[in-house]
Amino acid sequence: MIISERIRCYDFPCSDIDKNGYIVPSLEIDVKKIKILMVTEAPPSNKSDYFYADGNPFYLQTTLQAFNDAGADISSMQAILNLGVYLTTAIKCAKTQYAVSPTTMQYCSRLLEEEVALFPDVRAIMLMGDVAIKMMNAIWKKQTGKRVIPAGSTYKIRGQAHYFRTVRVFPSYTPAGKNFLIEKSKRMMVASDIREALKLL
């Protein structure tokens, strides 16, 4: 399945994004082999830095570092997919400012909900950053009337076991971008969360 052929934004109603930075994974994915969804916040401002871009994109570099910190000896996006892990972003367009508005999250959650539904056999969903956590919580609340991740700082709630039905949900921090290499404590927590998620494979 080619994900970008199944979900698409047509009207770009959001005012605080760069629609020229719109991107959805466009490679062929065997969705039944995917057991872990990793949802980060937003695409990079430069598409060449995106996880699935050709060459050695920056978002992939830091994400591979996170997986290696977790004990997974891998060196490519294909190796991550081979593990059964699919990476995507909650927001599908590049951000124009640091924060993402509630309106944008509401609009884009429709695409995220459709994307997550394409993967029937996931055992874990990793929510990497506040935007991913808020958007998936809103999706789950719409579906069931309940949020999965409780309110509170991520570092306080990430060690608890959270579930959406039978799927384990991990609130964590984004491994994509320059801050990941700087904030050592968050880097350690991301590695720990990935390590726990990989045990479910």
C-alpha atoms as a PDB file:
ATOM      1  CA  MET A   1       0.000   0.000   0.000  1.00  0.00           C
ATOM      2  CA  ILE A   2       1.236   3.496  -0.832  1.00  0.00           C
ATOM      3  CA  ILE A   3       0.090   5.653   2.087  1.00  0.00           C
ATOM      4  CA  SER A   4       0.071   8.945   0.176  1.00  0.00           C
ATOM      5  CA  GLU A   5      -2.452   7.461  -2.236  1.00  0.00           C
ATOM      6  CA  ARG A   6      -4.844   6.602   0.590  1.00  0.00           C
ATOM      7  CA  ILE A   7      -4.808   9.827   2.620  1.00  0.00           C
ATOM      8  CA  ARG A   8      -4.556  13.336   1.229  1.00  0.00           C
ATOM      9  CA  CYS A   9      -5.258  16.930   2.162  1.00  0.00           C
ATOM     10  CA  TYR A  10      -7.112  18.722  -0.600  1.00  0.00           C
ATOM     11  CA  ASP A  11      -7.963  22.184   0.690  1.00  0.00           C
ATOM     12  CA  PHE A  12      -5.137  23.078   3.150  1.00  0.00           C
ATOM     13  CA  PRO A  13      -7.377  25.110   5.493  1.00  0.00           C
ATOM     14  CA  CYS A  14      -4.726  25.709   8.171  1.00  0.00           C
ATOM     15  CA  SER A  15      -3.225  29.181   8.558  1.00  0.00           C
ATOM     16  CA  ASP A  16      -0.100  28.398  10.583  1.00  0.00           C
ATOM     17  CA  ILE A  17       1.542  25.827   8.316  1.00  0.00           C
ATOM     18  CA  ASP A  18       3.562  25.869   5.114  1.00  0.00           C
ATOM     19  CA  LYS A  19       1.569  23.862   2.606  1.00  0.00           C
ATOM     20  CA  ASN A  20       4.654  23.682   0.375  1.00  0.00           C
ATOM     21  CA  GLY A  21       6.067  21.497   3.145  1.00  0.00           C
ATOM     22  CA  TYR A  22       3.165  19.033   2.944  1.00  0.00           C
ATOM     23  CA  ILE A  23       4.393  15.471   2.920  1.00  0.00           C
ATOM     24  CA  VAL A  24       2.956  12.003   3.501  1.00  0.00           C
ATOM     25  CA  PRO A  25       5.045   8.816   3.119  1.00  0.00           C
ATOM     26  CA  SER A  26       4.881   7.776  -0.521  1.00  0.00           C
ATOM     27  CA  LEU A  27       6.692   4.442  -0.506  1.00  0.00           C
ATOM     28  CA  GLU A  28       5.122   0.994  -0.693  1.00  0.00           C
ATOM     29  CA  ILE A  29       4.301  -0.326   2.789  1.00  0.00           C
ATOM     30  CA  ASP A  30       3.123  -3.815   3.723  1.00  0.00           C
ATOM     31  CA  VAL A  31       0.756  -2.586   6.415  1.00  0.00           C
ATOM     32  CA  LYS A  32       0.170  -6.037   7.909  1.00  0.00           C
ATOM     33  CA  LYS A  33       3.865  -6.296   8.776  1.00  0.00           C
ATOM     34  CA  ILE A  34       3.803  -3.061  10.758  1.00  0.00           C
ATOM     35  CA  LYS A  35       3.512  -3.685  14.499  1.00  0.00           C
ATOM     36  CA  ILE A  36       4.607  -0.284  15.862  1.00  0.00           C
ATOM     37  CA  LEU A  37       3.502   3.168  14.736  1.00  0.00           C
ATOM     38  CA  MET A  38       5.834   6.018  15.659  1.00  0.00           C
ATOM     39  CA  VAL A  39       4.101   9.386  15.319  1.00  0.00           C
ATOM     40  CA  THR A  40       6.330  12.457  15.563  1.00  0.00           C
ATOM     41  CA  GLU A  41       5.163  16.064  15.383  1.00  0.00           C
ATOM     42  CA  ALA A  42       5.611  17.645  11.936  1.00  0.00           C
ATOM     43  CA  PRO A  43       7.708  17.385   8.773  1.00  0.00           C
ATOM     44  CA  PRO A  44      10.919  19.413   8.556  1.00  0.00           C
ATOM     45  CA  SER A  45      10.926  22.761   6.774  1.00  0.00           C
ATOM     46  CA  ASN A  46      13.254  21.209   4.200  1.00  0.00           C
ATOM     47  CA  LYS A  47      11.752  18.107   2.589  1.00  0.00           C
ATOM     48  CA  SER A  48      15.219  16.665   2.012  1.00  0.00           C
ATOM     49  CA  ASP A  49      15.470  16.215   5.804  1.00  0.00           C
ATOM     50  CA  TYR A  50      12.306  14.056   6.003  1.00  0.00           C
ATOM     51  CA  PHE A  51      12.536  10.473   7.285  1.00  0.00           C
ATOM     52  CA  TYR A  52      11.916   8.859   3.904  1.00  0.00           C
ATOM     53  CA  ALA A  53      13.906  11.304   1.742  1.00  0.00           C
ATOM     54  CA  ASP A  54      16.763  10.040  -0.395  1.00  0.00           C
ATOM     55  CA  GLY A  55      20.318  10.045   0.879  1.00  0.00           C
ATOM     56  CA  ASN A  56      20.968  10.624   4.565  1.00  0.00           C
ATOM     57  CA  PRO A  57      18.182  12.970   5.753  1.00  0.00           C
ATOM     58  CA  PHE A  58      18.667  14.676   9.089  1.00  0.00           C
ATOM     59  CA  TYR A  59      15.414  13.459  10.660  1.00  0.00           C
ATOM     60  CA  LEU A  60      16.452   9.909   9.837  1.00  0.00           C
ATOM     61  CA  GLN A  61      19.935  10.434  11.288  1.00  0.00           C
ATOM     62  CA  THR A  62      18.624  11.392  14.718  1.00  0.00           C
ATOM     63  CA  THR A  63      15.915   8.721  14.635  1.00  0.00           C
ATOM     64  CA  LEU A  64      18.462   6.036  13.780  1.00  0.00           C
ATOM     65  CA  GLN A  65      20.549   7.307  16.685  1.00  0.00           C
ATOM     66  CA  ALA A  66      17.543   6.838  18.953  1.00  0.00           C
ATOM     67  CA  PHE A  67      17.032   3.261  17.773  1.00  0.00           C
ATOM     68  CA  ASN A  68      20.721   2.493  18.217  1.00  0.00           C
ATOM     69  CA  ASP A  69      20.632   4.042  21.697  1.00  0.00           C
ATOM     70  CA  ALA A  70      17.798   1.568  22.368  1.00  0.00           C
ATOM     71  CA  GLY A  71      19.979  -1.361  21.309  1.00  0.00           C
ATOM     72  CA  ALA A  72      18.706  -1.817  17.740  1.00  0.00           C
ATOM     73  CA  ASP A  73      21.730  -2.033  15.456  1.00  0.00           C
ATOM     74  CA  ILE A  74      20.242  -0.483  12.326  1.00  0.00           C
ATOM     75  CA  SER A  75      21.442   2.049   9.770  1.00  0.00           C
ATOM     76  CA  SER A  76      18.606   2.773   7.319  1.00  0.00           C
ATOM     77  CA  MET A  77      14.927   3.599   7.002  1.00  0.00           C
ATOM     78  CA  GLN A  78      14.359   0.216   5.394  1.00  0.00           C
ATOM     79  CA  ALA A  79      15.864  -1.454   8.448  1.00  0.00           C
ATOM     80  CA  ILE A  80      13.348   0.365  10.667  1.00  0.00           C
ATOM     81  CA  LEU A  81      10.520  -0.808   8.418  1.00  0.00           C
ATOM     82  CA  ASN A  82      11.932  -4.331   8.462  1.00  0.00           C
ATOM     83  CA  LEU A  83      11.642  -4.282  12.245  1.00  0.00           C
ATOM     84  CA  GLY A  84       7.923  -3.624  11.794  1.00  0.00           C
ATOM     85  CA  VAL A  85       8.028   0.088  12.657  1.00  0.00           C
ATOM     86  CA  TYR A  86       6.331   2.779  10.568  1.00  0.00           C
ATOM     87  CA  LEU A  87       7.191   6.455  11.043  1.00  0.00           C
ATOM     88  CA  THR A  88       4.884   9.338  10.263  1.00  0.00           C
ATOM     89  CA  THR A  89       4.040  12.827  11.484  1.00  0.00           C
ATOM     90  CA  ALA A  90       0.893  14.036  13.218  1.00  0.00           C
ATOM     91  CA  ILE A  91       0.888  17.305  11.253  1.00  0.00           C
ATOM     92  CA  LYS A  92       1.408  16.757   7.526  1.00  0.00           C
ATOM     93  CA  CYS A  93       2.744  20.220   6.665  1.00  0.00           C
ATOM     94  CA  ALA A  94       5.845  21.995   7.923  1.00  0.00           C
ATOM     95  CA  LYS A  95       5.315  24.372  10.820  1.00  0.00           C
ATOM     96  CA  THR A  96       5.752  28.134  10.374  1.00  0.00           C
ATOM     97  CA  GLN A  97       6.155  28.754  14.102  1.00  0.00           C
ATOM     98  CA  TYR A  98       7.120  26.751  17.160  1.00  0.00           C
ATOM     99  CA  ALA A  99       3.596  26.023  18.400  1.00  0.00           C
ATOM    100  CA  VAL A 100       0.798  24.369  16.440  1.00  0.00           C
ATOM    101  CA  SER A 101      -2.671  25.853  16.857  1.00  0.00           C
ATOM    102  CA  PRO A 102      -5.584  23.754  18.148  1.00  0.00           C
ATOM    103  CA  THR A 103      -7.407  24.497  14.891  1.00  0.00           C
ATOM    104  CA  THR A 104      -4.584  23.024  12.811  1.00  0.00           C
ATOM    105  CA  MET A 105      -4.422  19.965  15.049  1.00  0.00           C
ATOM    106  CA  GLN A 106      -8.175  19.513  14.651  1.00  0.00           C
ATOM    107  CA  TYR A 107      -8.034  19.753  10.852  1.00  0.00           C
ATOM    108  CA  CYS A 108      -5.013  17.487  10.504  1.00  0.00           C
ATOM    109  CA  SER A 109      -6.278  14.880  12.962  1.00  0.00           C
ATOM    110  CA  ARG A 110      -8.679  13.691  10.256  1.00  0.00           C
ATOM    111  CA  LEU A 111      -5.721  12.612   8.118  1.00  0.00           C
ATOM    112  CA  LEU A 112      -3.921  11.087  11.074  1.00  0.00           C
ATOM    113  CA  GLU A 113      -7.011   9.103  12.086  1.00  0.00           C
ATOM    114  CA  GLU A 114      -7.345   7.751   8.538  1.00  0.00           C
ATOM    115  CA  GLU A 115      -3.639   6.891   8.421  1.00  0.00           C
ATOM    116  CA  VAL A 116      -3.581   5.022  11.732  1.00  0.00           C
ATOM    117  CA  ALA A 117      -6.635   3.031  10.639  1.00  0.00           C
ATOM    118  CA  LEU A 118      -4.653   1.636   7.694  1.00  0.00           C
ATOM    119  CA  PHE A 119      -2.564  -0.493  10.075  1.00  0.00           C
ATOM    120  CA  PRO A 120      -4.747  -3.289  11.503  1.00  0.00           C
ATOM    121  CA  ASP A 121      -2.109  -5.271  13.382  1.00  0.00           C
ATOM    122  CA  VAL A 122      -0.238  -2.726  15.491  1.00  0.00           C
ATOM    123  CA  ARG A 123       0.755  -3.669  18.995  1.00  0.00           C
ATOM    124  CA  ALA A 124       2.105  -0.273  20.034  1.00  0.00           C
ATOM    125  CA  ILE A 125       1.758   3.378  19.118  1.00  0.00           C
ATOM    126  CA  MET A 126       4.580   5.703  20.081  1.00  0.00           C
ATOM    127  CA  LEU A 127       3.553   9.350  20.415  1.00  0.00           C
ATOM    128  CA  MET A 128       6.706  11.385  20.077  1.00  0.00           C
ATOM    129  CA  GLY A 129       5.983  14.864  21.389  1.00  0.00           C
ATOM    130  CA  ASP A 130       3.080  16.925  22.715  1.00  0.00           C
ATOM    131  CA  VAL A 131       1.402  17.503  19.340  1.00  0.00           C
ATOM    132  CA  ALA A 132       1.226  13.766  18.604  1.00  0.00           C
ATOM    133  CA  ILE A 133      -0.076  13.075  22.114  1.00  0.00           C
ATOM    134  CA  LYS A 134      -2.781  15.762  21.919  1.00  0.00           C
ATOM    135  CA  MET A 135      -3.941  14.772  18.448  1.00  0.00           C
ATOM    136  CA  MET A 136      -4.188  11.045  19.131  1.00  0.00           C
ATOM    137  CA  ASN A 137      -5.893  11.717  22.468  1.00  0.00           C
ATOM    138  CA  ALA A 138      -8.505  13.800  20.618  1.00  0.00           C
ATOM    139  CA  ILE A 139      -8.994  11.014  18.060  1.00  0.00           C
ATOM    140  CA  TRP A 140      -9.455   8.380  20.752  1.00  0.00           C
ATOM    141  CA  LYS A 141     -11.805  10.604  22.748  1.00  0.00           C
ATOM    142  CA  LYS A 142     -13.940  11.068  19.632  1.00  0.00           C
ATOM    143  CA  GLN A 143     -14.030   7.312  19.085  1.00  0.00           C
ATOM    144  CA  THR A 144     -14.580   6.125  22.647  1.00  0.00           C
ATOM    145  CA  GLY A 145     -15.372   9.156  24.782  1.00  0.00           C
ATOM    146  CA  LYS A 146     -12.110   8.722  26.695  1.00  0.00           C
ATOM    147  CA  ARG A 147      -8.562   9.977  26.335  1.00  0.00           C
ATOM    148  CA  VAL A 148      -5.780   7.411  26.613  1.00  0.00           C
ATOM    149  CA  ILE A 149      -2.927   9.559  27.865  1.00  0.00           C
ATOM    150  CA  PRO A 150      -3.702  11.455  31.081  1.00  0.00           C
ATOM    151  CA  ALA A 151      -2.883  15.118  31.506  1.00  0.00           C
ATOM    152  CA  GLY A 152       0.541  15.887  32.897  1.00  0.00           C
ATOM    153  CA  SER A 153       4.172  16.303  31.969  1.00  0.00           C
ATOM    154  CA  THR A 154       5.452  13.579  29.673  1.00  0.00           C
ATOM    155  CA  TYR A 155       8.341  12.670  31.956  1.00  0.00           C
ATOM    156  CA  LYS A 156       5.857  11.971  34.768  1.00  0.00           C
ATOM    157  CA  ILE A 157       3.452   9.778  32.799  1.00  0.00           C
ATOM    158  CA  ARG A 158       5.725   8.009  30.312  1.00  0.00           C
ATOM    159  CA  GLY A 159       6.692   5.225  32.729  1.00  0.00           C
ATOM    160  CA  GLN A 160       3.095   4.088  33.141  1.00  0.00           C
ATOM    161  CA  ALA A 161       1.377   1.508  30.930  1.00  0.00           C
ATOM    162  CA  HIS A 162      -1.291   3.104  28.728  1.00  0.00           C
ATOM    163  CA  TYR A 163      -3.569   1.207  26.369  1.00  0.00           C
ATOM    164  CA  PHE A 164      -6.020   1.933  23.594  1.00  0.00           C
ATOM    165  CA  ARG A 165      -8.001  -1.285  23.590  1.00  0.00           C
ATOM    166  CA  THR A 166      -5.192  -3.876  23.295  1.00  0.00           C
ATOM    167  CA  VAL A 167      -2.607  -1.486  21.804  1.00  0.00           C
ATOM    168  CA  ARG A 168       0.113  -0.218  24.117  1.00  0.00           C
ATOM    169  CA  VAL A 169       0.576   3.540  23.857  1.00  0.00           C
ATOM    170  CA  PHE A 170       3.863   5.242  24.718  1.00  0.00           C
ATOM    171  CA  PRO A 171       3.935   9.008  25.358  1.00  0.00           C
ATOM    172  CA  SER A 172       7.472  10.156  24.657  1.00  0.00           C
ATOM    173  CA  TYR A 173       9.595  12.869  23.045  1.00  0.00           C
ATOM    174  CA  THR A 174      10.411  13.475  19.416  1.00  0.00           C
ATOM    175  CA  PRO A 175      13.672  11.911  18.174  1.00  0.00           C
ATOM    176  CA  ALA A 176      13.659  14.103  15.066  1.00  0.00           C
ATOM    177  CA  GLY A 177      15.642  17.320  14.923  1.00  0.00           C
ATOM    178  CA  LYS A 178      18.550  19.189  16.456  1.00  0.00           C
ATOM    179  CA  ASN A 179      17.169  19.356  19.994  1.00  0.00           C
ATOM    180  CA  PHE A 180      17.321  15.561  20.258  1.00  0.00           C
ATOM    181  CA  LEU A 181      21.105  15.675  20.100  1.00  0.00           C
ATOM    182  CA  ILE A 182      21.293  18.431  22.731  1.00  0.00           C
ATOM    183  CA  GLU A 183      18.813  17.316  25.386  1.00  0.00           C
ATOM    184  CA  LYS A 184      20.563  14.247  26.788  1.00  0.00           C
ATOM    185  CA  SER A 185      17.922  13.396  29.376  1.00  0.00           C
ATOM    186  CA  LYS A 186      15.177  13.297  26.728  1.00  0.00           C
ATOM    187  CA  ARG A 187      17.444  11.254  24.483  1.00  0.00           C
ATOM    188  CA  MET A 188      17.800   8.660  27.242  1.00  0.00           C
ATOM    189  CA  MET A 189      14.029   8.576  27.797  1.00  0.00           C
ATOM    190  CA  VAL A 190      13.332   8.156  24.071  1.00  0.00           C
ATOM    191  CA  ALA A 191      15.785   5.253  23.923  1.00  0.00           C
ATOM    192  CA  SER A 192      14.136   3.632  26.929  1.00  0.00           C
ATOM    193  CA  ASP A 193      10.672   3.998  25.378  1.00  0.00           C
ATOM    194  CA  ILE A 194      11.796   2.555  22.040  1.00  0.00           C
ATOM    195  CA  ARG A 195      13.456  -0.344  23.856  1.00  0.00           C
ATOM    196  CA  GLU A 196      10.201  -1.152  25.662  1.00  0.00           C
ATOM    197  CA  ALA A 197       8.145  -0.870  22.465  1.00  0.00           C
ATOM    198  CA  LEU A 198      10.505  -3.172  20.554  1.00  0.00           C
ATOM    199  CA  LYS A 199       9.890  -5.874  23.160  1.00  0.00           C
ATOM    200  CA  LEU A 200       6.352  -6.113  21.792  1.00  0.00           C
ATOM    201  CA  LEU A 201       7.528  -7.204  18.346  1.00  0.00           C
END
